[in-house]
Structures are given as structure tokens and as C-alpha cells.
Amino acid sequence: MSIEIKVPPLPESVNDATLVAWHKSAGESVSRDENLVDLETDKVVLEVPAPASGTIVKIVVNNGAIVQAGDILAILEEGEVGVSAAPQSETQPVAESAAIARKDLGGPIKTSPAVRRLLDEHDLDATMVSGTGKDGRITKSDVMLFLKSDDGANLTPGDRESVANSAATESQVSGFVRTEQRVAMTRLRARIAERLLEAQQTAAMLTTFNEVDLTE
């Protein structure tokens, strides 16, 4: 049986809403009471749950559209939802996961005196070697494996110095890089900004001083 997914009753004094985002697409299976779409008004963000389990047959209204109470958002075909098999996770190499963890932690790479001496002997930088020790710590075996690998064998002394300098420069400036991103205001925040500006323009901006003589 086909079920029409409609816009629920909106709050008082709210005439319409903006469809912010669909959480499901056409052809996907949904469960009862699962959130399908978010609707944003001037006052609140509404969630539209699935009235029954089934499959989304058709999406009538796309993201960003203006809708009113009672409008049809999608068509749901009621039916049993099959249980899908859980995806198999791929196992990452130990060295790669340790390198990622060390990168996320930031700061200097911890090495023992023996490892530092081995790195200096082969003109290597600690950022070039993936550590497999605790908290991404580099061990002597990690350095030896790197030297035996293709990455270590193909590096000339000049290349090693260039890679080390670039890695050091990147680590120095990474903490001071500022990124800027322009994001359109949501409907709720736009209404708040409008009300604040209106209050500033209409409210009386004045200060009153009262002087009282208390000498007598």
C-alpha cells in the first residue's frame, strides 16, 4: 500500500517551511519512526518520521523547496524491510594506522636516543618513517624496514634533506593556518538576524542622567 508523506502541521503563526535535507533517497528502505527529512521554519526545525516501514518510491519535493502544511513530500510503499548484511571493514596496515594517529596527535615525534642516532646516520627525518610503537613511536625496526623498502632505497641525500625540510616547514605553519568558509544562513538564523536589526533600528537609543543635590 502506498502512503503519502506529508508536511505535518506547522507551529502557530508559521505559514511555510524550508526543506533542509533528505536523509533518505528514492529506492531506499526505511523503518517505522525513522527520520526522513528535516523542515526548518522561522521558529524550529521539524523532523518528519516514517509512518510505517517500507521503501521510498518517489521524492516529490527536493532540498531547498518551500512547503506548506499538508504538502506531499514523498511516496512510501509499505512493506517489510529486509535486513542488509553489515559491510566488511577493511583492515589497515599497522604502520599506516600508527602514522595517522601520530598525525592527529600533532607535536614532535617521540623517538629514543638509539633511534635518533640511527636516523642521523642515514640522514633521515623522523616524519619520513611510520612508527609502529606505542602512540606512533618509531622503533629501530621501523627505521630498518624503511631503509629496506623502495621509499628508502630510492631516496638520495638531497631528496632526504628536501623531504625533511618540507615536513618541518609544514609542521611549523600547520598550527597557524586559518581557513575561511562562507555558509549561507539558515532560515532560523536569518530570522534572528532580522529581528535583531529591527530592534536596533526601532528602539530608542538614548541615555538619561538625573542629577540630585544631596548637600542639604
N, C-alpha and C. Protein backbone atom coordinates (compact mmCIF):
# COMPACT_ATOMS: atom_id res chain seq x y z
N MET A 1 0.84 -1.19 0.00
CA MET A 1 0.00 0.00 0.00
C MET A 1 0.88 1.25 0.00
N SER A 2 0.53 2.21 -0.84
CA SER A 2 1.29 3.45 -0.95
C SER A 2 0.82 4.45 0.10
N ILE A 3 1.78 5.11 0.75
CA ILE A 3 1.48 6.09 1.78
C ILE A 3 2.12 7.41 1.38
N GLU A 4 1.37 8.49 1.48
CA GLU A 4 1.88 9.82 1.17
C GLU A 4 2.54 10.42 2.41
N ILE A 5 3.79 10.82 2.26
CA ILE A 5 4.50 11.51 3.34
C ILE A 5 4.21 13.00 3.19
N LYS A 6 3.51 13.57 4.16
CA LYS A 6 3.07 14.97 4.06
C LYS A 6 3.75 15.83 5.11
N VAL A 7 3.71 17.13 4.85
CA VAL A 7 4.24 18.10 5.82
C VAL A 7 3.31 18.13 7.03
N PRO A 8 3.83 17.95 8.23
CA PRO A 8 2.98 17.97 9.43
C PRO A 8 2.46 19.38 9.71
N PRO A 9 1.49 19.51 10.61
CA PRO A 9 1.01 20.85 10.99
C PRO A 9 2.15 21.71 11.52
N LEU A 10 2.22 22.93 11.04
CA LEU A 10 3.29 23.85 11.42
C LEU A 10 2.91 24.61 12.68
N PRO A 11 3.91 25.16 13.38
CA PRO A 11 3.61 25.93 14.60
C PRO A 11 2.72 27.13 14.32
N GLU A 12 2.16 27.66 15.37
CA GLU A 12 1.26 28.81 15.25
C GLU A 12 1.99 30.01 14.65
N SER A 13 1.31 30.73 13.79
CA SER A 13 1.81 31.93 13.09
C SER A 13 2.91 31.61 12.09
N VAL A 14 3.12 30.35 11.75
CA VAL A 14 4.10 29.95 10.74
C VAL A 14 3.33 29.43 9.53
N ASN A 15 3.56 30.06 8.38
CA ASN A 15 2.80 29.70 7.18
C ASN A 15 3.49 28.64 6.32
N ASP A 16 4.82 28.64 6.30
CA ASP A 16 5.53 27.70 5.45
C ASP A 16 6.83 27.29 6.11
N ALA A 17 7.52 26.36 5.46
CA ALA A 17 8.79 25.85 5.98
C ALA A 17 9.71 25.57 4.80
N THR A 18 11.00 25.45 5.10
CA THR A 18 12.01 25.15 4.09
C THR A 18 12.50 23.72 4.28
N LEU A 19 12.51 22.96 3.20
CA LEU A 19 13.01 21.59 3.27
C LEU A 19 14.54 21.65 3.30
N VAL A 20 15.11 21.30 4.43
CA VAL A 20 16.56 21.44 4.62
C VAL A 20 17.32 20.29 3.98
N ALA A 21 16.98 19.06 4.35
CA ALA A 21 17.76 17.93 3.85
C ALA A 21 16.96 16.64 3.96
N TRP A 22 17.08 15.83 2.92
CA TRP A 22 16.55 14.47 2.95
C TRP A 22 17.59 13.54 3.54
N HIS A 23 17.15 12.64 4.42
CA HIS A 23 18.05 11.63 4.98
C HIS A 23 17.93 10.30 4.24
N LYS A 24 16.97 10.22 3.34
CA LYS A 24 16.78 9.02 2.53
C LYS A 24 16.57 9.45 1.09
N SER A 25 16.89 8.55 0.17
CA SER A 25 16.69 8.82 -1.25
C SER A 25 15.72 7.79 -1.81
N ALA A 26 15.27 8.02 -3.03
CA ALA A 26 14.31 7.13 -3.66
C ALA A 26 14.93 5.74 -3.83
N GLY A 27 14.15 4.72 -3.46
CA GLY A 27 14.61 3.35 -3.56
C GLY A 27 15.18 2.79 -2.28
N GLU A 28 15.41 3.63 -1.28
CA GLU A 28 15.96 3.16 -0.01
C GLU A 28 14.86 2.65 0.91
N SER A 29 15.22 1.68 1.73
CA SER A 29 14.29 1.13 2.71
C SER A 29 14.35 1.94 3.99
N VAL A 30 13.20 2.09 4.64
CA VAL A 30 13.12 2.85 5.88
C VAL A 30 12.34 2.03 6.91
N SER A 31 12.58 2.34 8.16
CA SER A 31 11.87 1.70 9.26
C SER A 31 10.87 2.68 9.86
N ARG A 32 9.89 2.15 10.54
CA ARG A 32 8.87 2.98 11.16
C ARG A 32 9.51 3.94 12.16
N ASP A 33 9.07 5.19 12.15
CA ASP A 33 9.53 6.27 13.03
C ASP A 33 10.96 6.71 12.73
N GLU A 34 11.54 6.27 11.63
CA GLU A 34 12.87 6.73 11.24
C GLU A 34 12.76 8.11 10.59
N ASN A 35 13.66 9.02 10.96
CA ASN A 35 13.61 10.38 10.43
C ASN A 35 13.91 10.37 8.94
N LEU A 36 13.01 10.97 8.17
CA LEU A 36 13.16 11.01 6.72
C LEU A 36 13.70 12.34 6.21
N VAL A 37 13.21 13.44 6.77
CA VAL A 37 13.55 14.75 6.23
C VAL A 37 13.45 15.78 7.35
N ASP A 38 14.24 16.86 7.22
CA ASP A 38 14.21 17.96 8.17
C ASP A 38 13.56 19.17 7.51
N LEU A 39 12.63 19.79 8.23
CA LEU A 39 11.96 21.00 7.78
C LEU A 39 12.29 22.12 8.76
N GLU A 40 12.69 23.27 8.23
CA GLU A 40 13.07 24.40 9.07
C GLU A 40 12.09 25.54 8.88
N THR A 41 11.59 26.06 9.99
CA THR A 41 10.72 27.22 9.98
C THR A 41 11.44 28.39 10.63
N ASP A 42 10.70 29.49 10.81
CA ASP A 42 11.30 30.65 11.47
C ASP A 42 11.52 30.42 12.96
N LYS A 43 10.93 29.36 13.50
CA LYS A 43 10.99 29.15 14.94
C LYS A 43 11.68 27.85 15.34
N VAL A 44 11.55 26.81 14.53
CA VAL A 44 12.01 25.50 14.96
C VAL A 44 12.33 24.64 13.75
N VAL A 45 13.12 23.58 13.98
CA VAL A 45 13.41 22.58 12.95
C VAL A 45 12.58 21.33 13.25
N LEU A 46 11.78 20.92 12.28
CA LEU A 46 10.89 19.78 12.45
C LEU A 46 11.46 18.55 11.76
N GLU A 47 11.28 17.40 12.39
CA GLU A 47 11.66 16.12 11.79
C GLU A 47 10.40 15.38 11.36
N VAL A 48 10.43 14.85 10.15
CA VAL A 48 9.29 14.11 9.62
C VAL A 48 9.64 12.62 9.65
N PRO A 49 9.03 11.85 10.55
CA PRO A 49 9.35 10.42 10.64
C PRO A 49 8.54 9.60 9.65
N ALA A 50 9.01 8.38 9.42
CA ALA A 50 8.28 7.47 8.54
C ALA A 50 7.08 6.90 9.28
N PRO A 51 5.89 6.98 8.70
CA PRO A 51 4.69 6.45 9.38
C PRO A 51 4.65 4.93 9.43
N ALA A 52 5.43 4.27 8.58
CA ALA A 52 5.46 2.81 8.55
C ALA A 52 6.76 2.36 7.90
N SER A 53 7.05 1.09 8.04
CA SER A 53 8.24 0.52 7.39
C SER A 53 7.94 0.25 5.92
N GLY A 54 8.94 0.48 5.09
CA GLY A 54 8.74 0.26 3.66
C GLY A 54 9.88 0.82 2.85
N THR A 55 9.57 1.21 1.61
CA THR A 55 10.56 1.71 0.67
C THR A 55 10.10 3.03 0.09
N ILE A 56 11.03 3.99 0.00
CA ILE A 56 10.72 5.28 -0.62
C ILE A 56 10.61 5.07 -2.13
N VAL A 57 9.42 5.27 -2.66
CA VAL A 57 9.19 5.07 -4.09
C VAL A 57 9.54 6.32 -4.89
N LYS A 58 9.14 7.48 -4.37
CA LYS A 58 9.33 8.73 -5.11
C LYS A 58 9.49 9.88 -4.14
N ILE A 59 10.41 10.78 -4.45
CA ILE A 59 10.57 12.02 -3.69
C ILE A 59 9.98 13.15 -4.52
N VAL A 60 8.99 13.81 -3.97
CA VAL A 60 8.24 14.83 -4.71
C VAL A 60 8.91 16.20 -4.59
N VAL A 61 9.41 16.53 -3.41
CA VAL A 61 9.99 17.86 -3.15
C VAL A 61 11.48 17.70 -2.86
N ASN A 62 12.29 18.52 -3.49
CA ASN A 62 13.74 18.45 -3.32
C ASN A 62 14.22 19.42 -2.24
N ASN A 63 15.50 19.32 -1.90
CA ASN A 63 16.09 20.18 -0.88
C ASN A 63 16.00 21.66 -1.28
N GLY A 64 15.72 22.50 -0.29
CA GLY A 64 15.65 23.93 -0.52
C GLY A 64 14.28 24.45 -0.92
N ALA A 65 13.32 23.57 -1.13
CA ALA A 65 11.99 23.99 -1.56
C ALA A 65 11.19 24.53 -0.37
N ILE A 66 10.26 25.43 -0.67
CA ILE A 66 9.35 25.98 0.33
C ILE A 66 8.07 25.16 0.31
N VAL A 67 7.67 24.64 1.46
CA VAL A 67 6.49 23.79 1.55
C VAL A 67 5.54 24.35 2.60
N GLN A 68 4.30 23.92 2.51
CA GLN A 68 3.27 24.31 3.48
C GLN A 68 2.67 23.06 4.10
N ALA A 69 1.94 23.26 5.17
CA ALA A 69 1.33 22.14 5.88
C ALA A 69 0.41 21.37 4.94
N GLY A 70 0.58 20.05 4.92
CA GLY A 70 -0.25 19.20 4.09
C GLY A 70 0.34 18.88 2.73
N ASP A 71 1.42 19.55 2.33
CA ASP A 71 2.03 19.26 1.04
C ASP A 71 2.66 17.86 1.05
N ILE A 72 2.61 17.19 -0.10
CA ILE A 72 3.17 15.85 -0.22
C ILE A 72 4.68 15.96 -0.44
N LEU A 73 5.44 15.27 0.39
CA LEU A 73 6.90 15.28 0.28
C LEU A 73 7.43 14.08 -0.48
N ALA A 74 6.85 12.91 -0.25
CA ALA A 74 7.33 11.69 -0.88
C ALA A 74 6.24 10.63 -0.84
N ILE A 75 6.48 9.55 -1.58
CA ILE A 75 5.56 8.41 -1.61
C ILE A 75 6.30 7.21 -1.02
N LEU A 76 5.67 6.57 -0.04
CA LEU A 76 6.25 5.41 0.64
C LEU A 76 5.43 4.18 0.34
N GLU A 77 6.10 3.13 -0.12
CA GLU A 77 5.44 1.85 -0.35
C GLU A 77 5.64 0.99 0.89
N GLU A 78 4.54 0.72 1.58
CA GLU A 78 4.61 -0.01 2.83
C GLU A 78 4.96 -1.47 2.58
N GLY A 79 5.80 -2.02 3.44
CA GLY A 79 6.21 -3.41 3.32
C GLY A 79 7.32 -3.72 4.30
N GLU A 80 7.66 -5.00 4.40
CA GLU A 80 8.71 -5.42 5.32
C GLU A 80 10.07 -4.96 4.80
N VAL A 81 10.90 -4.53 5.73
CA VAL A 81 12.25 -4.08 5.39
C VAL A 81 13.21 -5.22 5.61
N GLY A 82 13.95 -5.61 4.57
CA GLY A 82 14.93 -6.68 4.70
C GLY A 82 16.14 -6.23 5.47
N VAL A 83 16.76 -7.17 6.16
CA VAL A 83 17.97 -6.88 6.93
C VAL A 83 19.17 -7.02 6.01
N SER A 84 19.86 -5.94 5.81
CA SER A 84 21.04 -5.96 4.94
C SER A 84 22.26 -6.39 5.72
N ALA A 85 23.14 -7.09 5.02
CA ALA A 85 24.35 -7.56 5.68
C ALA A 85 25.26 -6.40 6.00
N ALA A 86 25.90 -6.48 7.13
CA ALA A 86 26.81 -5.40 7.55
C ALA A 86 28.04 -5.41 6.67
N PRO A 87 28.49 -4.24 6.22
CA PRO A 87 29.68 -4.20 5.36
C PRO A 87 30.91 -4.65 6.11
N GLN A 88 31.78 -5.35 5.39
CA GLN A 88 33.00 -5.83 6.00
C GLN A 88 34.02 -4.71 6.01
N SER A 89 34.60 -4.48 7.16
CA SER A 89 35.60 -3.42 7.30
C SER A 89 36.95 -3.93 6.84
N GLU A 90 37.65 -3.07 6.15
CA GLU A 90 38.98 -3.43 5.67
C GLU A 90 40.00 -3.15 6.76
N THR A 91 40.92 -4.07 6.91
CA THR A 91 41.96 -3.94 7.92
C THR A 91 43.09 -3.09 7.38
N GLN A 92 43.42 -2.03 8.08
CA GLN A 92 44.51 -1.16 7.66
C GLN A 92 45.82 -1.70 8.20
N PRO A 93 46.90 -1.49 7.48
CA PRO A 93 48.21 -1.89 7.99
C PRO A 93 48.53 -1.17 9.28
N VAL A 94 49.31 -1.83 10.12
CA VAL A 94 49.65 -1.25 11.42
C VAL A 94 50.44 0.03 11.25
N ALA A 95 51.35 0.03 10.31
CA ALA A 95 52.18 1.22 10.12
C ALA A 95 51.35 2.41 9.68
N GLU A 96 50.37 2.17 8.78
CA GLU A 96 49.55 3.27 8.28
C GLU A 96 48.68 3.85 9.37
N SER A 97 48.04 2.98 10.18
CA SER A 97 47.19 3.46 11.26
C SER A 97 48.00 4.21 12.30
N ALA A 98 49.21 3.75 12.57
CA ALA A 98 50.05 4.45 13.55
C ALA A 98 50.46 5.81 13.03
N ALA A 99 50.72 5.90 11.72
CA ALA A 99 51.10 7.19 11.15
C ALA A 99 49.94 8.17 11.21
N ILE A 100 48.72 7.68 10.95
CA ILE A 100 47.54 8.55 11.02
C ILE A 100 47.32 9.03 12.44
N ALA A 101 47.46 8.13 13.40
CA ALA A 101 47.28 8.52 14.80
C ALA A 101 48.30 9.55 15.22
N ARG A 102 49.56 9.37 14.77
CA ARG A 102 50.59 10.33 15.13
C ARG A 102 50.33 11.68 14.50
N LYS A 103 49.80 11.69 13.28
CA LYS A 103 49.49 12.94 12.61
C LYS A 103 48.38 13.68 13.32
N ASP A 104 47.36 12.94 13.80
CA ASP A 104 46.25 13.57 14.50
C ASP A 104 46.70 14.15 15.83
N LEU A 105 47.63 13.49 16.51
CA LEU A 105 48.07 13.98 17.80
C LEU A 105 48.86 15.26 17.67
N GLY A 106 49.63 15.40 16.60
CA GLY A 106 50.42 16.59 16.38
C GLY A 106 51.61 16.64 17.33
N GLY A 107 52.42 17.70 17.19
CA GLY A 107 53.57 17.86 18.07
C GLY A 107 54.75 17.05 17.59
N PRO A 108 55.87 17.13 18.31
CA PRO A 108 57.08 16.40 17.91
C PRO A 108 56.90 14.90 18.03
N ILE A 109 57.60 14.17 17.17
CA ILE A 109 57.54 12.71 17.18
C ILE A 109 58.52 12.19 18.22
N LYS A 110 58.05 11.32 19.10
CA LYS A 110 58.89 10.80 20.17
C LYS A 110 59.76 9.67 19.65
N THR A 111 61.05 9.78 19.89
CA THR A 111 62.00 8.73 19.49
C THR A 111 63.01 8.55 20.61
N SER A 112 63.57 7.36 20.66
CA SER A 112 64.60 7.07 21.65
C SER A 112 65.96 7.55 21.14
N PRO A 113 66.96 7.69 22.03
CA PRO A 113 68.29 8.12 21.58
C PRO A 113 68.88 7.19 20.52
N ALA A 114 68.65 5.89 20.65
CA ALA A 114 69.20 4.95 19.66
C ALA A 114 68.56 5.16 18.30
N VAL A 115 67.25 5.43 18.29
CA VAL A 115 66.56 5.66 17.02
C VAL A 115 67.02 6.98 16.40
N ARG A 116 67.19 8.01 17.22
CA ARG A 116 67.66 9.29 16.69
C ARG A 116 69.06 9.16 16.09
N ARG A 117 69.92 8.38 16.74
CA ARG A 117 71.26 8.18 16.21
C ARG A 117 71.21 7.43 14.88
N LEU A 118 70.32 6.45 14.79
CA LEU A 118 70.18 5.70 13.54
C LEU A 118 69.63 6.59 12.42
N LEU A 119 68.70 7.47 12.76
CA LEU A 119 68.17 8.39 11.77
C LEU A 119 69.24 9.36 11.28
N ASP A 120 70.07 9.85 12.20
CA ASP A 120 71.13 10.77 11.82
C ASP A 120 72.18 10.09 10.94
N GLU A 121 72.47 8.83 11.23
CA GLU A 121 73.48 8.12 10.44
C GLU A 121 73.06 7.98 8.98
N HIS A 122 71.75 7.82 8.75
CA HIS A 122 71.25 7.61 7.39
C HIS A 122 70.61 8.87 6.82
N ASP A 123 70.82 10.01 7.50
CA ASP A 123 70.32 11.29 7.00
C ASP A 123 68.81 11.23 6.75
N LEU A 124 68.07 10.76 7.75
CA LEU A 124 66.62 10.63 7.65
C LEU A 124 65.95 11.56 8.65
N ASP A 125 64.72 11.93 8.33
CA ASP A 125 63.90 12.71 9.25
C ASP A 125 62.83 11.81 9.85
N ALA A 126 62.48 12.07 11.10
CA ALA A 126 61.51 11.20 11.78
C ALA A 126 60.15 11.21 11.10
N THR A 127 59.80 12.32 10.42
CA THR A 127 58.49 12.38 9.75
C THR A 127 58.41 11.50 8.52
N MET A 128 59.54 10.98 8.06
CA MET A 128 59.56 10.14 6.87
C MET A 128 59.29 8.68 7.20
N VAL A 129 59.34 8.31 8.47
CA VAL A 129 59.22 6.91 8.88
C VAL A 129 57.91 6.74 9.65
N SER A 130 57.17 5.69 9.32
CA SER A 130 55.93 5.36 10.02
C SER A 130 56.25 4.50 11.23
N GLY A 131 55.88 4.98 12.42
CA GLY A 131 56.16 4.25 13.64
C GLY A 131 55.08 3.25 13.99
N THR A 132 55.49 2.11 14.51
CA THR A 132 54.54 1.07 14.92
C THR A 132 54.53 0.87 16.42
N GLY A 133 55.29 1.68 17.15
CA GLY A 133 55.32 1.55 18.59
C GLY A 133 54.12 2.19 19.25
N LYS A 134 54.15 2.26 20.57
CA LYS A 134 53.04 2.83 21.32
C LYS A 134 52.89 4.31 20.99
N ASP A 135 51.63 4.73 20.73
CA ASP A 135 51.32 6.12 20.38
C ASP A 135 52.10 6.58 19.15
N GLY A 136 52.38 5.65 18.22
CA GLY A 136 53.08 6.01 17.00
C GLY A 136 54.57 6.21 17.15
N ARG A 137 55.15 5.72 18.25
CA ARG A 137 56.59 5.88 18.49
C ARG A 137 57.38 5.06 17.46
N ILE A 138 58.47 5.66 16.97
CA ILE A 138 59.32 5.00 15.97
C ILE A 138 60.33 4.10 16.68
N THR A 139 60.45 2.88 16.21
CA THR A 139 61.42 1.93 16.75
C THR A 139 62.55 1.72 15.74
N LYS A 140 63.61 1.04 16.19
CA LYS A 140 64.74 0.77 15.30
C LYS A 140 64.32 -0.11 14.13
N SER A 141 63.43 -1.05 14.40
CA SER A 141 62.97 -1.92 13.32
C SER A 141 62.19 -1.14 12.27
N ASP A 142 61.47 -0.08 12.69
CA ASP A 142 60.76 0.75 11.72
C ASP A 142 61.73 1.45 10.78
N VAL A 143 62.83 1.94 11.34
CA VAL A 143 63.83 2.62 10.51
C VAL A 143 64.48 1.64 9.54
N MET A 144 64.81 0.44 10.02
CA MET A 144 65.44 -0.55 9.15
C MET A 144 64.50 -0.99 8.04
N LEU A 145 63.22 -1.16 8.37
CA LEU A 145 62.26 -1.53 7.33
C LEU A 145 62.11 -0.43 6.29
N PHE A 146 62.18 0.82 6.75
CA PHE A 146 62.08 1.93 5.80
C PHE A 146 63.28 1.96 4.87
N LEU A 147 64.47 1.69 5.41
CA LEU A 147 65.68 1.69 4.58
C LEU A 147 65.66 0.56 3.56
N LYS A 148 65.05 -0.57 3.92
CA LYS A 148 64.98 -1.71 3.00
C LYS A 148 63.86 -1.55 1.98
N SER A 149 62.90 -0.70 2.27
CA SER A 149 61.77 -0.53 1.36
C SER A 149 62.19 0.29 0.16
N ASP A 150 61.27 0.36 -0.82
CA ASP A 150 61.55 1.12 -2.04
C ASP A 150 61.66 2.61 -1.75
N ASP A 151 60.85 3.10 -0.79
CA ASP A 151 60.88 4.53 -0.47
C ASP A 151 62.25 4.94 0.06
N GLY A 152 62.83 4.11 0.92
CA GLY A 152 64.13 4.46 1.48
C GLY A 152 65.27 4.23 0.52
N ALA A 153 65.17 3.19 -0.32
CA ALA A 153 66.26 2.88 -1.23
C ALA A 153 66.38 3.89 -2.36
N ASN A 154 65.27 4.47 -2.77
CA ASN A 154 65.29 5.39 -3.90
C ASN A 154 65.59 6.83 -3.51
N LEU A 155 65.71 7.12 -2.23
CA LEU A 155 65.97 8.48 -1.79
C LEU A 155 67.46 8.78 -1.81
N THR A 156 67.82 9.86 -2.46
CA THR A 156 69.19 10.35 -2.41
C THR A 156 69.34 11.28 -1.22
N PRO A 157 70.58 11.58 -0.79
CA PRO A 157 70.74 12.52 0.33
C PRO A 157 70.06 13.85 0.10
N GLY A 158 70.10 14.36 -1.15
CA GLY A 158 69.43 15.62 -1.43
C GLY A 158 67.93 15.52 -1.29
N ASP A 159 67.36 14.39 -1.76
CA ASP A 159 65.92 14.19 -1.63
C ASP A 159 65.52 14.09 -0.17
N ARG A 160 66.34 13.39 0.62
CA ARG A 160 66.03 13.25 2.04
C ARG A 160 66.01 14.60 2.74
N GLU A 161 66.97 15.45 2.40
CA GLU A 161 67.02 16.77 3.02
C GLU A 161 65.82 17.61 2.59
N SER A 162 65.43 17.49 1.31
CA SER A 162 64.28 18.26 0.82
C SER A 162 63.00 17.82 1.50
N VAL A 163 62.82 16.51 1.63
CA VAL A 163 61.61 16.00 2.29
C VAL A 163 61.58 16.40 3.75
N ALA A 164 62.73 16.34 4.41
CA ALA A 164 62.79 16.72 5.82
C ALA A 164 62.47 18.19 6.01
N ASN A 165 63.02 19.06 5.13
CA ASN A 165 62.76 20.49 5.25
C ASN A 165 61.29 20.81 5.00
N SER A 166 60.71 20.17 3.99
CA SER A 166 59.30 20.44 3.70
C SER A 166 58.41 19.95 4.83
N ALA A 167 58.75 18.81 5.43
CA ALA A 167 57.95 18.30 6.54
C ALA A 167 58.06 19.21 7.75
N ALA A 168 59.28 19.73 8.00
CA ALA A 168 59.46 20.63 9.14
C ALA A 168 58.70 21.93 8.93
N THR A 169 58.75 22.46 7.69
CA THR A 169 58.03 23.70 7.40
C THR A 169 56.53 23.51 7.55
N GLU A 170 56.03 22.37 7.07
CA GLU A 170 54.60 22.10 7.18
C GLU A 170 54.16 21.98 8.63
N SER A 171 54.99 21.34 9.46
CA SER A 171 54.63 21.20 10.87
C SER A 171 54.66 22.53 11.59
N GLN A 172 55.52 23.47 11.14
CA GLN A 172 55.61 24.77 11.80
C GLN A 172 54.41 25.65 11.48
N VAL A 173 53.95 25.61 10.23
CA VAL A 173 52.88 26.52 9.83
C VAL A 173 51.51 25.91 9.98
N SER A 174 51.43 24.60 10.26
CA SER A 174 50.12 23.96 10.33
C SER A 174 49.27 24.53 11.45
N GLY A 175 49.90 24.96 12.54
CA GLY A 175 49.13 25.49 13.65
C GLY A 175 48.65 26.91 13.44
N PHE A 176 49.12 27.60 12.37
CA PHE A 176 48.77 29.00 12.16
C PHE A 176 47.94 29.22 10.90
N VAL A 177 47.56 28.15 10.23
CA VAL A 177 46.77 28.29 9.01
C VAL A 177 45.30 28.49 9.38
N ARG A 178 44.71 29.54 8.85
CA ARG A 178 43.30 29.83 9.09
C ARG A 178 42.52 29.60 7.81
N THR A 179 41.49 28.81 7.91
CA THR A 179 40.64 28.55 6.76
C THR A 179 39.36 29.36 6.88
N GLU A 180 38.86 29.80 5.75
CA GLU A 180 37.65 30.62 5.71
C GLU A 180 36.63 29.95 4.81
N GLN A 181 35.42 29.87 5.27
CA GLN A 181 34.35 29.23 4.51
C GLN A 181 33.07 30.04 4.67
N ARG A 182 32.45 30.37 3.56
CA ARG A 182 31.20 31.12 3.57
C ARG A 182 30.03 30.14 3.47
N VAL A 183 29.14 30.21 4.45
CA VAL A 183 27.99 29.32 4.51
C VAL A 183 26.73 30.17 4.60
N ALA A 184 25.77 29.85 3.78
CA ALA A 184 24.51 30.59 3.81
C ALA A 184 23.80 30.39 5.14
N MET A 185 23.21 31.47 5.66
CA MET A 185 22.49 31.37 6.93
C MET A 185 21.24 30.52 6.77
N THR A 186 20.95 29.78 7.81
CA THR A 186 19.71 29.02 7.81
C THR A 186 18.53 29.96 7.98
N ARG A 187 17.36 29.44 7.74
CA ARG A 187 16.16 30.27 7.84
C ARG A 187 15.96 30.78 9.26
N LEU A 188 16.26 29.94 10.23
CA LEU A 188 16.09 30.32 11.63
C LEU A 188 17.05 31.44 12.01
N ARG A 189 18.31 31.32 11.61
CA ARG A 189 19.29 32.35 11.94
C ARG A 189 19.03 33.64 11.17
N ALA A 190 18.54 33.52 9.95
CA ALA A 190 18.20 34.72 9.18
C ALA A 190 17.08 35.50 9.86
N ARG A 191 16.11 34.80 10.42
CA ARG A 191 15.02 35.47 11.13
C ARG A 191 15.53 36.14 12.41
N ILE A 192 16.45 35.47 13.11
CA ILE A 192 17.02 36.07 14.32
C ILE A 192 17.78 37.35 13.98
N ALA A 193 18.58 37.30 12.91
CA ALA A 193 19.33 38.49 12.49
C ALA A 193 18.38 39.62 12.09
N GLU A 194 17.30 39.27 11.42
CA GLU A 194 16.33 40.29 11.00
C GLU A 194 15.68 40.96 12.21
N ARG A 195 15.33 40.17 13.22
CA ARG A 195 14.71 40.73 14.41
C ARG A 195 15.69 41.60 15.20
N LEU A 196 16.94 41.18 15.28
CA LEU A 196 17.93 41.99 15.99
C LEU A 196 18.15 43.33 15.29
N LEU A 197 18.23 43.30 13.96
CA LEU A 197 18.41 44.55 13.22
C LEU A 197 17.19 45.45 13.36
N GLU A 198 16.01 44.85 13.34
CA GLU A 198 14.79 45.63 13.51
C GLU A 198 14.73 46.28 14.88
N ALA A 199 15.13 45.54 15.91
CA ALA A 199 15.13 46.10 17.26
C ALA A 199 16.12 47.24 17.39
N GLN A 200 17.27 47.11 16.73
CA GLN A 200 18.27 48.18 16.79
C GLN A 200 17.80 49.44 16.08
N GLN A 201 17.05 49.27 15.00
CA GLN A 201 16.60 50.41 14.22
C GLN A 201 15.37 51.10 14.82
N THR A 202 14.57 50.37 15.56
CA THR A 202 13.32 50.94 16.09
C THR A 202 13.41 51.34 17.55
N ALA A 203 14.28 50.69 18.32
CA ALA A 203 14.37 51.01 19.74
C ALA A 203 15.05 52.37 19.93
N ALA A 204 14.61 53.09 20.95
CA ALA A 204 15.19 54.41 21.24
C ALA A 204 16.57 54.23 21.86
N MET A 205 17.58 54.78 21.20
CA MET A 205 18.94 54.68 21.69
C MET A 205 19.29 55.98 22.41
N LEU A 206 19.05 56.03 23.71
CA LEU A 206 19.32 57.24 24.47
C LEU A 206 19.74 56.88 25.88
N THR A 207 20.34 57.83 26.54
CA THR A 207 20.77 57.67 27.92
C THR A 207 20.25 58.84 28.74
N THR A 208 19.68 58.56 29.89
CA THR A 208 19.10 59.60 30.75
C THR A 208 19.98 59.78 31.99
N PHE A 209 20.28 61.05 32.32
CA PHE A 209 21.07 61.38 33.51
C PHE A 209 20.19 62.20 34.45
N ASN A 210 20.13 61.80 35.70
CA ASN A 210 19.39 62.53 36.73
C ASN A 210 20.38 63.04 37.77
N GLU A 211 20.40 64.35 37.99
CA GLU A 211 21.30 64.95 38.97
C GLU A 211 20.51 65.29 40.23
N VAL A 212 21.04 64.89 41.37
CA VAL A 212 20.37 65.12 42.66
C VAL A 212 21.36 65.83 43.58
N ASP A 213 20.91 66.92 44.20
CA ASP A 213 21.74 67.67 45.13
C ASP A 213 21.49 67.15 46.54
N LEU A 214 22.48 66.51 47.14
CA LEU A 214 22.35 65.91 48.47
C LEU A 214 23.17 66.66 49.52
N THR A 215 23.51 67.91 49.23
CA THR A 215 24.34 68.66 50.19
C THR A 215 23.54 69.11 51.40
N GLU A 216 22.26 69.34 51.29
CA GLU A 216 21.46 69.81 52.43
C GLU A 216 20.68 68.66 53.06
